[in-house]
Amino acid sequence: MNTSTAQTAPSSVPSPDHLLDIATTAARAAADCIRSLDREHLAREYKTSSHDIVTEHDRASEDIIVAELRRLLPTCRIVGEEGGERPAEEGALSADPAEPVVTFYVDPIDGTSNFAAGLPLFCVSIGVAVGDELVAGVIDVPVLGQVFTAADGPATLNGREITPRSTNKPADALVLSGFPGQRGWAEFPELAARAQPELENGLSAIRHLGSAAIELAYVSAGWADATFLASINAWDIAAGFHILRRAGGSVRTWPGHGETGQPDFLNPAYVACTGPERLDLVDRVFEEVQALRDADL
């Protein structure tokens, strides 16, 4: 009797730990460059408005990251804030069409307004997905010397495991968010006018750091109870979502204008908490945000 079994070819997709090493190496290269800059005389440009700026160093940082990622994993797909989507290098893809694609979601400098003003609250953020699943992430805060990482083990800060904690009740909760912000006031002014005082009165304190990635990292570390935004891009939050979940936190997302069925890190609205407990007050506001967007369809 033939008892042999069919052999499955080994996957060419690196392990989450290996992917984290690649992302961390690329982030470190960009962070080293950023630390060497003279930030006293930075020129800025405007993308869509004075609320959305970019500097030459955002592009240079992304170029450094892309070069490192291409060197270390030519088969990867890269989605960056400045350069958009870059597919795998021609001829580098696996011969197996069923093999999932590794995608790096890159924000070369998250918190550009802070960076351009000389504040230290900015970071390099790289999230890694295999197919539609996040598997690794790194958030490197260059000036403050903070490096948050996670793969398929515990989340760490500068190599030390982050200890999970519970989310405080709303009256004791410190949250990090710029919601509703300029975009929220423009999109749903009536809800913004009602929600802002409701959140300020119902929560202990609200602070806006100017970097979604850093806010997610600090919630992951247990330094704040929650963070939330209604309009965001994957490169801002992919790394932070993964790190926060590996640290014991919880994330809810909303799909926006009918974009259902996509991975949650591609959704535009989220509420992330440091523990499994939720801040129902905030979740209810974001249910209203989604209802308004559904009504516009």
C-alpha atoms as a PDB file:
ATOM      1  CA  MET A   1       0.000   0.000   0.000  1.00  0.00           C
ATOM      2  CA  ASN A   2       1.303   3.408  -0.942  1.00  0.00           C
ATOM      3  CA  THR A   3       1.265   5.559   2.193  1.00  0.00           C
ATOM      4  CA  SER A   4       3.148   8.520   0.788  1.00  0.00           C
ATOM      5  CA  THR A   5       1.496  11.919   0.925  1.00  0.00           C
ATOM      6  CA  ALA A   6       1.798  14.804  -1.479  1.00  0.00           C
ATOM      7  CA  GLN A   7       4.499  17.252  -0.502  1.00  0.00           C
ATOM      8  CA  THR A   8       3.570  20.921  -0.379  1.00  0.00           C
ATOM      9  CA  ALA A   9       6.195  23.301  -1.638  1.00  0.00           C
ATOM     10  CA  PRO A  10       7.520  25.523   1.136  1.00  0.00           C
ATOM     11  CA  SER A  11       6.133  29.046   1.174  1.00  0.00           C
ATOM     12  CA  SER A  12       8.430  31.793  -0.013  1.00  0.00           C
ATOM     13  CA  VAL A  13       6.712  34.267   2.321  1.00  0.00           C
ATOM     14  CA  PRO A  14       9.046  35.165   5.209  1.00  0.00           C
ATOM     15  CA  SER A  15       7.917  34.590   8.794  1.00  0.00           C
ATOM     16  CA  PRO A  16       6.345  37.492  10.738  1.00  0.00           C
ATOM     17  CA  ASP A  17       9.553  37.838  12.775  1.00  0.00           C
ATOM     18  CA  HIS A  18      11.619  38.072   9.595  1.00  0.00           C
ATOM     19  CA  LEU A  19       9.207  40.615   8.119  1.00  0.00           C
ATOM     20  CA  LEU A  20       9.456  42.645  11.317  1.00  0.00           C
ATOM     21  CA  ASP A  21      13.255  42.577  11.053  1.00  0.00           C
ATOM     22  CA  ILE A  22      12.989  43.917   7.501  1.00  0.00           C
ATOM     23  CA  ALA A  23      10.562  46.668   8.513  1.00  0.00           C
ATOM     24  CA  THR A  24      12.636  47.614  11.560  1.00  0.00           C
ATOM     25  CA  THR A  25      15.822  47.819   9.487  1.00  0.00           C
ATOM     26  CA  ALA A  26      14.128  50.117   6.963  1.00  0.00           C
ATOM     27  CA  ALA A  27      12.584  52.289   9.687  1.00  0.00           C
ATOM     28  CA  ARG A  28      15.928  52.575  11.486  1.00  0.00           C
ATOM     29  CA  ALA A  29      17.682  53.714   8.312  1.00  0.00           C
ATOM     30  CA  ALA A  30      15.123  56.480   7.836  1.00  0.00           C
ATOM     31  CA  ALA A  31      15.159  57.420  11.534  1.00  0.00           C
ATOM     32  CA  ASP A  32      18.959  57.713  11.506  1.00  0.00           C
ATOM     33  CA  CYS A  33      18.750  60.088   8.555  1.00  0.00           C
ATOM     34  CA  ILE A  34      16.022  62.178  10.203  1.00  0.00           C
ATOM     35  CA  ARG A  35      18.018  62.511  13.439  1.00  0.00           C
ATOM     36  CA  SER A  36      20.952  63.929  11.470  1.00  0.00           C
ATOM     37  CA  LEU A  37      18.922  66.784   9.964  1.00  0.00           C
ATOM     38  CA  ASP A  38      19.052  70.445  10.846  1.00  0.00           C
ATOM     39  CA  ARG A  39      15.380  70.925  11.673  1.00  0.00           C
ATOM     40  CA  GLU A  40      15.755  74.640  12.318  1.00  0.00           C
ATOM     41  CA  HIS A  41      15.329  75.561   8.651  1.00  0.00           C
ATOM     42  CA  LEU A  42      12.795  73.213   7.059  1.00  0.00           C
ATOM     43  CA  ALA A  43      10.925  74.186   3.903  1.00  0.00           C
ATOM     44  CA  ARG A  44       7.331  73.036   3.664  1.00  0.00           C
ATOM     45  CA  GLU A  45       4.883  72.516   0.833  1.00  0.00           C
ATOM     46  CA  TYR A  46       1.114  72.110   0.902  1.00  0.00           C
ATOM     47  CA  LYS A  47      -0.625  69.014  -0.467  1.00  0.00           C
ATOM     48  CA  THR A  48      -4.342  69.847  -0.225  1.00  0.00           C
ATOM     49  CA  SER A  49      -4.321  72.717   2.289  1.00  0.00           C
ATOM     50  CA  SER A  50      -2.344  74.292   5.131  1.00  0.00           C
ATOM     51  CA  HIS A  51      -3.613  71.380   7.267  1.00  0.00           C
ATOM     52  CA  ASP A  52      -1.864  68.865   4.980  1.00  0.00           C
ATOM     53  CA  ILE A  53       1.814  69.642   4.506  1.00  0.00           C
ATOM     54  CA  VAL A  54       4.867  67.796   3.240  1.00  0.00           C
ATOM     55  CA  THR A  55       8.598  68.472   3.327  1.00  0.00           C
ATOM     56  CA  GLU A  56      11.447  67.286   1.128  1.00  0.00           C
ATOM     57  CA  HIS A  57      12.458  65.045   4.020  1.00  0.00           C
ATOM     58  CA  ASP A  58       9.167  63.117   3.905  1.00  0.00           C
ATOM     59  CA  ARG A  59      10.043  62.107   0.355  1.00  0.00           C
ATOM     60  CA  ALA A  60      13.681  61.433   1.190  1.00  0.00           C
ATOM     61  CA  SER A  61      12.674  59.274   4.164  1.00  0.00           C
ATOM     62  CA  GLU A  62      10.304  57.258   2.001  1.00  0.00           C
ATOM     63  CA  ASP A  63      13.012  56.803  -0.651  1.00  0.00           C
ATOM     64  CA  ILE A  64      15.358  55.395   2.019  1.00  0.00           C
ATOM     65  CA  ILE A  65      12.659  53.022   3.284  1.00  0.00           C
ATOM     66  CA  VAL A  66      11.704  51.837  -0.200  1.00  0.00           C
ATOM     67  CA  ALA A  67      15.341  51.184  -1.111  1.00  0.00           C
ATOM     68  CA  GLU A  68      15.854  49.092   2.035  1.00  0.00           C
ATOM     69  CA  LEU A  69      12.631  47.137   1.553  1.00  0.00           C
ATOM     70  CA  ARG A  70      13.494  46.449  -2.085  1.00  0.00           C
ATOM     71  CA  ARG A  71      16.991  45.327  -1.088  1.00  0.00           C
ATOM     72  CA  LEU A  72      15.741  42.990   1.627  1.00  0.00           C
ATOM     73  CA  LEU A  73      12.562  41.685  -0.046  1.00  0.00           C
ATOM     74  CA  PRO A  74      12.301  42.405  -3.799  1.00  0.00           C
ATOM     75  CA  THR A  75       8.989  40.518  -4.003  1.00  0.00           C
ATOM     76  CA  CYS A  76       7.176  42.949  -1.714  1.00  0.00           C
ATOM     77  CA  ARG A  77       4.496  45.477  -2.583  1.00  0.00           C
ATOM     78  CA  ILE A  78       4.876  48.919  -0.999  1.00  0.00           C
ATOM     79  CA  VAL A  79       2.118  51.443  -0.308  1.00  0.00           C
ATOM     80  CA  GLY A  80       3.592  54.748   0.826  1.00  0.00           C
ATOM     81  CA  GLU A  81       2.083  58.090   1.737  1.00  0.00           C
ATOM     82  CA  GLU A  82       4.271  60.018  -0.682  1.00  0.00           C
ATOM     83  CA  GLY A  83       4.815  57.563  -3.526  1.00  0.00           C
ATOM     84  CA  GLY A  84       1.542  55.644  -3.543  1.00  0.00           C
ATOM     85  CA  GLU A  85       1.486  51.982  -4.546  1.00  0.00           C
ATOM     86  CA  ARG A  86       4.622  50.311  -5.821  1.00  0.00           C
ATOM     87  CA  PRO A  87       4.077  46.710  -6.965  1.00  0.00           C
ATOM     88  CA  ALA A  88       6.731  44.027  -6.656  1.00  0.00           C
ATOM     89  CA  GLU A  89       9.735  44.409  -8.894  1.00  0.00           C
ATOM     90  CA  GLU A  90       9.234  42.893 -12.332  1.00  0.00           C
ATOM     91  CA  GLY A  91      10.351  39.265 -12.359  1.00  0.00           C
ATOM     92  CA  ALA A  92      10.553  39.067  -8.557  1.00  0.00           C
ATOM     93  CA  LEU A  93       7.107  37.623  -7.831  1.00  0.00           C
ATOM     94  CA  SER A  94       6.622  34.003  -6.816  1.00  0.00           C
ATOM     95  CA  ALA A  95       5.789  31.560  -9.595  1.00  0.00           C
ATOM     96  CA  ASP A  96       2.817  30.422  -7.482  1.00  0.00           C
ATOM     97  CA  PRO A  97      -0.110  32.800  -8.166  1.00  0.00           C
ATOM     98  CA  ALA A  98      -1.773  31.612  -4.937  1.00  0.00           C
ATOM     99  CA  GLU A  99       1.122  32.841  -2.835  1.00  0.00           C
ATOM    100  CA  PRO A 100      -0.028  35.850  -0.766  1.00  0.00           C
ATOM    101  CA  VAL A 101       1.651  39.173  -1.441  1.00  0.00           C
ATOM    102  CA  VAL A 102       3.611  40.894   1.308  1.00  0.00           C
ATOM    103  CA  THR A 103       2.682  44.574   1.532  1.00  0.00           C
ATOM    104  CA  PHE A 104       4.496  47.234   3.543  1.00  0.00           C
ATOM    105  CA  TYR A 105       2.354  50.252   4.490  1.00  0.00           C
ATOM    106  CA  VAL A 106       4.804  53.123   4.913  1.00  0.00           C
ATOM    107  CA  ASP A 107       4.427  56.518   6.518  1.00  0.00           C
ATOM    108  CA  PRO A 108       7.923  58.024   6.243  1.00  0.00           C
ATOM    109  CA  ILE A 109       7.182  60.871   8.671  1.00  0.00           C
ATOM    110  CA  ASP A 110       3.865  60.724  10.493  1.00  0.00           C
ATOM    111  CA  GLY A 111       3.322  64.062  12.212  1.00  0.00           C
ATOM    112  CA  THR A 112       4.901  66.229   9.529  1.00  0.00           C
ATOM    113  CA  SER A 113       3.490  69.453  10.987  1.00  0.00           C
ATOM    114  CA  ASN A 114       5.197  68.650  14.298  1.00  0.00           C
ATOM    115  CA  PHE A 115       8.400  67.720  12.469  1.00  0.00           C
ATOM    116  CA  ALA A 116       8.435  70.950  10.456  1.00  0.00           C
ATOM    117  CA  ALA A 117       7.774  73.028  13.583  1.00  0.00           C
ATOM    118  CA  GLY A 118      10.606  71.428  15.562  1.00  0.00           C
ATOM    119  CA  LEU A 119       8.442  69.330  17.896  1.00  0.00           C
ATOM    120  CA  PRO A 120       9.683  65.782  18.626  1.00  0.00           C
ATOM    121  CA  LEU A 121       6.262  64.114  18.223  1.00  0.00           C
ATOM    122  CA  PHE A 122       6.722  62.505  14.804  1.00  0.00           C
ATOM    123  CA  CYS A 123       7.668  58.993  13.737  1.00  0.00           C
ATOM    124  CA  VAL A 124       8.402  56.489  11.020  1.00  0.00           C
ATOM    125  CA  SER A 125       5.601  53.924  10.782  1.00  0.00           C
ATOM    126  CA  ILE A 126       5.724  50.673   8.783  1.00  0.00           C
ATOM    127  CA  GLY A 127       2.968  48.058   8.953  1.00  0.00           C
ATOM    128  CA  VAL A 128       3.302  44.679   7.236  1.00  0.00           C
ATOM    129  CA  ALA A 129       0.458  42.605   5.800  1.00  0.00           C
ATOM    130  CA  VAL A 130       0.525  39.160   4.214  1.00  0.00           C
ATOM    131  CA  GLY A 131      -2.467  39.164   1.934  1.00  0.00           C
ATOM    132  CA  ASP A 132      -5.164  40.943   3.941  1.00  0.00           C
ATOM    133  CA  GLU A 133      -3.736  40.137   7.386  1.00  0.00           C
ATOM    134  CA  LEU A 134      -1.460  42.374   9.401  1.00  0.00           C
ATOM    135  CA  VAL A 135       1.482  40.369  10.736  1.00  0.00           C
ATOM    136  CA  ALA A 136       4.062  42.926  11.900  1.00  0.00           C
ATOM    137  CA  GLY A 137       4.608  46.594  12.594  1.00  0.00           C
ATOM    138  CA  VAL A 138       7.180  49.108  13.776  1.00  0.00           C
ATOM    139  CA  ILE A 139       6.763  52.692  14.954  1.00  0.00           C
ATOM    140  CA  ASP A 140      10.088  54.476  15.428  1.00  0.00           C
ATOM    141  CA  VAL A 141       9.983  57.873  17.196  1.00  0.00           C
ATOM    142  CA  PRO A 142      13.484  59.093  16.301  1.00  0.00           C
ATOM    143  CA  VAL A 143      14.053  62.104  18.545  1.00  0.00           C
ATOM    144  CA  LEU A 144      12.489  60.509  21.639  1.00  0.00           C
ATOM    145  CA  GLY A 145      14.321  57.210  21.148  1.00  0.00           C
ATOM    146  CA  GLN A 146      11.154  55.097  21.294  1.00  0.00           C
ATOM    147  CA  VAL A 147      10.780  52.047  19.049  1.00  0.00           C
ATOM    148  CA  PHE A 148       7.514  50.104  19.278  1.00  0.00           C
ATOM    149  CA  THR A 149       7.400  46.717  17.542  1.00  0.00           C
ATOM    150  CA  ALA A 150       5.295  43.583  17.224  1.00  0.00           C
ATOM    151  CA  ALA A 151       5.174  40.463  15.064  1.00  0.00           C
ATOM    152  CA  ASP A 152       3.423  37.286  16.261  1.00  0.00           C
ATOM    153  CA  GLY A 153       4.678  37.601  19.845  1.00  0.00           C
ATOM    154  CA  PRO A 154       4.158  40.304  22.476  1.00  0.00           C
ATOM    155  CA  ALA A 155       4.422  43.962  21.553  1.00  0.00           C
ATOM    156  CA  THR A 156       7.592  45.639  22.765  1.00  0.00           C
ATOM    157  CA  LEU A 157       8.954  49.106  23.479  1.00  0.00           C
ATOM    158  CA  ASN A 158      12.717  49.304  22.962  1.00  0.00           C
ATOM    159  CA  GLY A 159      12.850  45.521  23.225  1.00  0.00           C
ATOM    160  CA  ARG A 160      10.918  45.257  26.495  1.00  0.00           C
ATOM    161  CA  GLU A 161       7.517  43.581  26.504  1.00  0.00           C
ATOM    162  CA  ILE A 162       4.545  45.891  26.908  1.00  0.00           C
ATOM    163  CA  THR A 163       2.312  44.782  29.783  1.00  0.00           C
ATOM    164  CA  PRO A 164      -1.401  44.962  28.925  1.00  0.00           C
ATOM    165  CA  ARG A 165      -3.774  46.922  31.139  1.00  0.00           C
ATOM    166  CA  SER A 166      -7.502  47.557  31.300  1.00  0.00           C
ATOM    167  CA  THR A 167      -9.247  50.530  29.726  1.00  0.00           C
ATOM    168  CA  ASN A 168     -10.376  52.993  32.378  1.00  0.00           C
ATOM    169  CA  LYS A 169     -13.995  54.050  32.702  1.00  0.00           C
ATOM    170  CA  PRO A 170     -14.862  57.174  30.678  1.00  0.00           C
ATOM    171  CA  ALA A 171     -14.705  59.545  33.652  1.00  0.00           C
ATOM    172  CA  ASP A 172     -11.095  58.457  34.298  1.00  0.00           C
ATOM    173  CA  ALA A 173     -10.044  57.968  30.674  1.00  0.00           C
ATOM    174  CA  LEU A 174      -7.303  60.019  29.045  1.00  0.00           C
ATOM    175  CA  VAL A 175      -7.712  59.811  25.271  1.00  0.00           C
ATOM    176  CA  LEU A 176      -5.492  60.953  22.398  1.00  0.00           C
ATOM    177  CA  SER A 177      -7.343  62.352  19.408  1.00  0.00           C
ATOM    178  CA  GLY A 178      -7.845  65.344  17.151  1.00  0.00           C
ATOM    179  CA  PHE A 179     -11.443  64.299  16.372  1.00  0.00           C
ATOM    180  CA  PRO A 180     -13.527  65.907  14.988  1.00  0.00           C
ATOM    181  CA  GLY A 181     -10.838  68.214  13.640  1.00  0.00           C
ATOM    182  CA  GLN A 182     -10.963  70.233  10.443  1.00  0.00           C
ATOM    183  CA  ARG A 183     -12.159  67.306   8.322  1.00  0.00           C
ATOM    184  CA  GLY A 184     -14.922  66.343  10.731  1.00  0.00           C
ATOM    185  CA  TRP A 185     -16.239  69.888  11.029  1.00  0.00           C
ATOM    186  CA  ALA A 186     -16.347  70.133   7.226  1.00  0.00           C
ATOM    187  CA  GLU A 187     -18.002  66.733   6.664  1.00  0.00           C
ATOM    188  CA  PHE A 188     -20.563  66.580   9.504  1.00  0.00           C
ATOM    189  CA  PRO A 189     -20.711  69.981  11.253  1.00  0.00           C
ATOM    190  CA  GLU A 190     -23.882  69.301  13.247  1.00  0.00           C
ATOM    191  CA  LEU A 191     -22.551  66.043  14.681  1.00  0.00           C
ATOM    192  CA  ALA A 192     -19.175  67.669  15.381  1.00  0.00           C
ATOM    193  CA  ALA A 193     -20.849  70.513  17.273  1.00  0.00           C
ATOM    194  CA  ARG A 194     -22.793  68.031  19.403  1.00  0.00           C
ATOM    195  CA  ALA A 195     -20.099  65.372  19.847  1.00  0.00           C
ATOM    196  CA  GLN A 196     -17.193  67.591  20.851  1.00  0.00           C
ATOM    197  CA  PRO A 197     -18.698  68.848  24.136  1.00  0.00           C
ATOM    198  CA  GLU A 198     -20.196  65.405  24.811  1.00  0.00           C
ATOM    199  CA  LEU A 199     -16.762  63.809  24.578  1.00  0.00           C
ATOM    200  CA  GLU A 200     -15.033  66.570  26.534  1.00  0.00           C
ATOM    201  CA  ASN A 201     -17.586  66.330  29.343  1.00  0.00           C
ATOM    202  CA  GLY A 202     -17.795  62.533  29.368  1.00  0.00           C
ATOM    203  CA  LEU A 203     -14.067  61.766  29.312  1.00  0.00           C
ATOM    204  CA  SER A 204     -11.382  62.771  31.793  1.00  0.00           C
ATOM    205  CA  ALA A 205      -9.120  64.475  29.240  1.00  0.00           C
ATOM    206  CA  ILE A 206      -8.541  64.689  25.477  1.00  0.00           C
ATOM    207  CA  ARG A 207      -5.096  65.403  24.050  1.00  0.00           C
ATOM    208  CA  HIS A 208      -4.133  65.713  20.371  1.00  0.00           C
ATOM    209  CA  LEU A 209      -0.529  64.696  19.594  1.00  0.00           C
ATOM    210  CA  GLY A 210      -0.646  65.304  15.842  1.00  0.00           C
ATOM    211  CA  SER A 211       0.431  61.771  14.847  1.00  0.00           C
ATOM    212  CA  ALA A 212      -2.063  58.924  14.584  1.00  0.00           C
ATOM    213  CA  ALA A 213       0.754  56.362  14.704  1.00  0.00           C
ATOM    214  CA  ILE A 214       2.244  57.785  17.904  1.00  0.00           C
ATOM    215  CA  GLU A 215      -1.198  58.007  19.486  1.00  0.00           C
ATOM    216  CA  LEU A 216      -1.772  54.303  18.729  1.00  0.00           C
ATOM    217  CA  ALA A 217       1.691  53.446  20.075  1.00  0.00           C
ATOM    218  CA  TYR A 218       1.091  55.336  23.313  1.00  0.00           C
ATOM    219  CA  VAL A 219      -2.298  53.700  23.801  1.00  0.00           C
ATOM    220  CA  SER A 220      -0.560  50.361  23.177  1.00  0.00           C
ATOM    221  CA  ALA A 221       1.879  51.198  25.971  1.00  0.00           C
ATOM    222  CA  GLY A 222      -0.992  51.987  28.357  1.00  0.00           C
ATOM    223  CA  TRP A 223      -0.081  55.681  28.597  1.00  0.00           C
ATOM    224  CA  ALA A 224      -3.576  56.605  27.411  1.00  0.00           C
ATOM    225  CA  ASP A 225      -6.897  54.783  27.327  1.00  0.00           C
ATOM    226  CA  ALA A 226      -7.991  55.290  23.722  1.00  0.00           C
ATOM    227  CA  THR A 227      -7.431  57.027  20.416  1.00  0.00           C
ATOM    228  CA  PHE A 228      -9.873  57.602  17.569  1.00  0.00           C
ATOM    229  CA  LEU A 229     -10.208  59.323  14.209  1.00  0.00           C
ATOM    230  CA  ALA A 230     -12.893  59.428  11.532  1.00  0.00           C
ATOM    231  CA  SER A 231     -10.673  59.870   8.448  1.00  0.00           C
ATOM    232  CA  ILE A 232      -7.365  58.054   8.114  1.00  0.00           C
ATOM    233  CA  ASN A 233      -5.157  56.137   5.672  1.00  0.00           C
ATOM    234  CA  ALA A 234      -3.690  52.660   6.019  1.00  0.00           C
ATOM    235  CA  TRP A 235      -0.093  53.886   6.194  1.00  0.00           C
ATOM    236  CA  ASP A 236      -0.979  55.908   9.312  1.00  0.00           C
ATOM    237  CA  ILE A 237      -2.475  53.052  11.312  1.00  0.00           C
ATOM    238  CA  ALA A 238      -1.436  49.619   9.965  1.00  0.00           C
ATOM    239  CA  ALA A 239       1.591  49.317  12.255  1.00  0.00           C
ATOM    240  CA  GLY A 240      -0.264  50.814  15.211  1.00  0.00           C
ATOM    241  CA  PHE A 241      -3.248  48.482  14.879  1.00  0.00           C
ATOM    242  CA  HIS A 242      -1.009  45.428  14.952  1.00  0.00           C
ATOM    243  CA  ILE A 243       1.148  46.648  17.836  1.00  0.00           C
ATOM    244  CA  LEU A 244      -1.899  47.610  19.888  1.00  0.00           C
ATOM    245  CA  ARG A 245      -3.592  44.246  19.425  1.00  0.00           C
ATOM    246  CA  ARG A 246      -0.415  42.354  20.323  1.00  0.00           C
ATOM    247  CA  ALA A 247      -0.257  44.517  23.468  1.00  0.00           C
ATOM    248  CA  GLY A 248      -3.761  43.389  24.493  1.00  0.00           C
ATOM    249  CA  GLY A 249      -5.747  46.317  23.138  1.00  0.00           C
ATOM    250  CA  SER A 250      -8.906  46.351  21.030  1.00  0.00           C
ATOM    251  CA  VAL A 251      -9.839  48.116  17.801  1.00  0.00           C
ATOM    252  CA  ARG A 252     -13.201  48.819  16.159  1.00  0.00           C
ATOM    253  CA  THR A 253     -13.367  50.261  12.660  1.00  0.00           C
ATOM    254  CA  TRP A 254     -16.079  51.611  10.376  1.00  0.00           C
ATOM    255  CA  PRO A 255     -15.983  51.333   6.561  1.00  0.00           C
ATOM    256  CA  GLY A 256     -16.994  54.838   5.592  1.00  0.00           C
ATOM    257  CA  HIS A 257     -18.880  55.337   2.334  1.00  0.00           C
ATOM    258  CA  GLY A 258     -20.033  51.779   1.622  1.00  0.00           C
ATOM    259  CA  GLU A 259     -16.590  50.194   1.345  1.00  0.00           C
ATOM    260  CA  THR A 260     -17.574  46.991   3.113  1.00  0.00           C
ATOM    261  CA  GLY A 261     -15.637  43.737   3.201  1.00  0.00           C
ATOM    262  CA  GLN A 262     -12.128  45.182   3.154  1.00  0.00           C
ATOM    263  CA  PRO A 263      -9.489  44.597   5.859  1.00  0.00           C
ATOM    264  CA  ASP A 264     -10.141  46.796   8.868  1.00  0.00           C
ATOM    265  CA  PHE A 265      -6.882  48.715   8.506  1.00  0.00           C
ATOM    266  CA  LEU A 266      -8.193  50.012   5.170  1.00  0.00           C
ATOM    267  CA  ASN A 267     -11.290  51.486   6.832  1.00  0.00           C
ATOM    268  CA  PRO A 268     -11.223  55.249   7.448  1.00  0.00           C
ATOM    269  CA  ALA A 269     -12.686  55.417  10.972  1.00  0.00           C
ATOM    270  CA  TYR A 270     -11.553  53.688  14.152  1.00  0.00           C
ATOM    271  CA  VAL A 271     -11.673  53.661  17.937  1.00  0.00           C
ATOM    272  CA  ALA A 272      -8.740  51.872  19.594  1.00  0.00           C
ATOM    273  CA  CYS A 273      -8.589  51.135  23.337  1.00  0.00           C
ATOM    274  CA  THR A 274      -5.656  50.061  25.498  1.00  0.00           C
ATOM    275  CA  GLY A 275      -7.563  47.032  26.827  1.00  0.00           C
ATOM    276  CA  PRO A 276     -10.476  44.830  25.723  1.00  0.00           C
ATOM    277  CA  GLU A 277     -12.933  47.099  27.520  1.00  0.00           C
ATOM    278  CA  ARG A 278     -14.583  49.653  25.255  1.00  0.00           C
ATOM    279  CA  LEU A 279     -15.484  53.309  25.714  1.00  0.00           C
ATOM    280  CA  ASP A 280     -19.130  53.041  24.686  1.00  0.00           C
ATOM    281  CA  LEU A 281     -19.504  56.819  24.620  1.00  0.00           C
ATOM    282  CA  VAL A 282     -16.922  57.074  21.846  1.00  0.00           C
ATOM    283  CA  ASP A 283     -18.161  54.019  19.945  1.00  0.00           C
ATOM    284  CA  ARG A 284     -21.670  55.527  19.871  1.00  0.00           C
ATOM    285  CA  VAL A 285     -20.353  58.738  18.319  1.00  0.00           C
ATOM    286  CA  PHE A 286     -18.626  56.754  15.592  1.00  0.00           C
ATOM    287  CA  GLU A 287     -21.788  54.771  14.911  1.00  0.00           C
ATOM    288  CA  GLU A 288     -23.358  58.157  14.187  1.00  0.00           C
ATOM    289  CA  VAL A 289     -20.467  59.089  11.910  1.00  0.00           C
ATOM    290  CA  GLN A 290     -21.021  55.894   9.935  1.00  0.00           C
ATOM    291  CA  ALA A 291     -24.799  56.448   9.796  1.00  0.00           C
ATOM    292  CA  LEU A 292     -24.262  59.893   8.282  1.00  0.00           C
ATOM    293  CA  ARG A 293     -21.894  58.455   5.693  1.00  0.00           C
ATOM    294  CA  ASP A 294     -24.365  55.692   4.853  1.00  0.00           C
ATOM    295  CA  ALA A 295     -27.065  58.321   4.373  1.00  0.00           C
ATOM    296  CA  ASP A 296     -24.916  60.046   1.740  1.00  0.00           C
ATOM    297  CA  LEU A 297     -24.746  56.953  -0.477  1.00  0.00           C
END
